[in-house]
Every structure is written in C-alpha cells, then in structure tokens.
C-alpha cells in the first residue's frame, strides 16, 4: 500500500535591503490549504535543513508554526550565549 504524504514544505525567498531572507511554505496535499512563515532566516542552509526535517517527519500544518518558532528561539538563545 502506497503511503499518502499529507503535507509538503518548500522554501520561499524574499529580498530585504540587499539581503535574501528565506521562509517556509507548507501545503496540505489533500485539501490544498497552505500556511507560510516568511523571513525565518537569511541562512539558506539552516532553513533548508529545517524543511528537510519537517518533510521527513511529516509534520502537519497544525504543528508547523510551533516547531519553527521553537527552532528559531533555540538558535537565538545559542547565539546570545
């Protein structure tokens, strides 16, 4: 039996004052609902890594925001220490 993937995550890109900033868009593949978090980081590698984890763990749109918020918070705390 083939497994149905309910949510897919993709990178989004914005330009701010001569700097690229990356975000994530999640899409429910069954309903077509989307949710986007813009301007997560200017670090493409970090955002891409987060997208890989979200897709691998099949995170639902319901938990998407909380997970991204937690990851960004942890990164900011580590940067301060």
Protein backbone atom coordinates (compact mmCIF):
# COMPACT_ATOMS: atom_id res chain seq x y z
CA UNK A 1 0.00 0.00 0.00
CA UNK A 2 1.39 3.39 -1.01
CA UNK A 3 1.73 6.00 1.73
CA UNK A 4 -0.01 9.34 1.21
CA UNK A 5 2.02 12.40 2.17
CA UNK A 6 -0.35 14.94 3.67
CA UNK A 7 1.92 17.98 3.91
CA UNK A 8 4.83 19.21 1.82
CA UNK A 9 7.17 22.04 2.77
CA UNK A 10 9.06 24.31 0.37
CA UNK A 11 11.44 27.23 0.73
CA UNK A 12 10.34 30.77 -0.06
CA UNK A 13 12.64 33.71 -0.72
CA UNK A 14 12.35 37.44 -0.08
CA UNK A 15 14.68 40.34 -0.68
CA UNK A 16 15.21 42.83 2.12
CA UNK A 17 17.67 45.69 1.90
CA UNK A 18 20.12 43.85 -0.39
CA UNK A 19 19.84 40.63 1.61
CA UNK A 20 17.92 37.48 0.81
CA UNK A 21 15.73 36.14 3.60
CA UNK A 22 14.17 32.69 3.49
CA UNK A 23 10.88 31.34 4.74
CA UNK A 24 8.87 28.14 4.54
CA UNK A 25 5.53 27.37 2.93
CA UNK A 26 3.62 24.27 3.91
CA UNK A 27 0.85 22.83 1.79
CA UNK A 28 -1.68 20.14 2.67
CA UNK A 29 -1.63 17.93 -0.42
CA UNK A 30 -5.20 16.76 0.07
CA UNK A 31 -7.07 19.99 0.89
CA UNK A 32 -4.70 22.42 -0.82
CA UNK A 33 -4.53 24.56 2.35
CA UNK A 34 -1.28 26.49 2.71
CA UNK A 35 0.47 28.25 5.55
CA UNK A 36 3.61 30.32 5.22
CA UNK A 37 6.13 31.70 7.65
CA UNK A 38 8.13 34.46 6.00
CA UNK A 39 11.54 35.80 6.94
CA UNK A 40 12.79 32.97 9.13
CA UNK A 41 16.48 33.46 8.42
CA UNK A 42 18.99 34.72 5.90
CA UNK A 43 20.83 31.40 6.34
CA UNK A 44 19.68 29.27 3.40
CA UNK A 45 21.38 26.15 4.76
CA UNK A 46 19.57 26.41 8.12
CA UNK A 47 16.15 26.90 6.53
CA UNK A 48 16.74 24.10 4.02
CA UNK A 49 17.76 21.78 6.85
CA UNK A 50 14.58 22.63 8.75
CA UNK A 51 12.49 21.92 5.64
CA UNK A 52 14.15 18.53 5.25
CA UNK A 53 13.27 17.66 8.86
CA UNK A 54 9.67 18.89 8.50
CA UNK A 55 9.19 16.78 5.37
CA UNK A 56 10.98 13.72 6.79
CA UNK A 57 8.93 13.78 10.00
CA UNK A 58 5.71 14.55 8.06
CA UNK A 59 4.83 17.46 10.33
CA UNK A 60 1.24 18.61 9.94
CA UNK A 61 0.34 22.23 9.26
CA UNK A 62 -1.21 22.24 12.74
CA UNK A 63 2.23 21.95 14.39
CA UNK A 64 4.31 23.74 11.73
CA UNK A 65 4.34 27.19 13.36
CA UNK A 66 5.21 25.88 16.84
CA UNK A 67 8.15 23.84 15.56
CA UNK A 68 9.60 26.71 13.52
CA UNK A 69 9.14 29.10 16.45
CA UNK A 70 10.96 26.69 18.79
CA UNK A 71 13.85 26.20 16.36
CA UNK A 72 14.27 29.96 15.82
CA UNK A 73 14.10 30.58 19.57
CA UNK A 74 16.73 27.93 20.32
CA UNK A 75 19.03 29.37 17.65
CA UNK A 76 18.67 32.88 19.10
CA UNK A 77 19.40 31.67 22.65
CA UNK A 78 22.50 29.82 21.48
CA UNK A 79 23.69 32.92 19.62
CA UNK A 80 23.42 35.00 22.80
CA UNK A 81 25.36 32.55 25.00
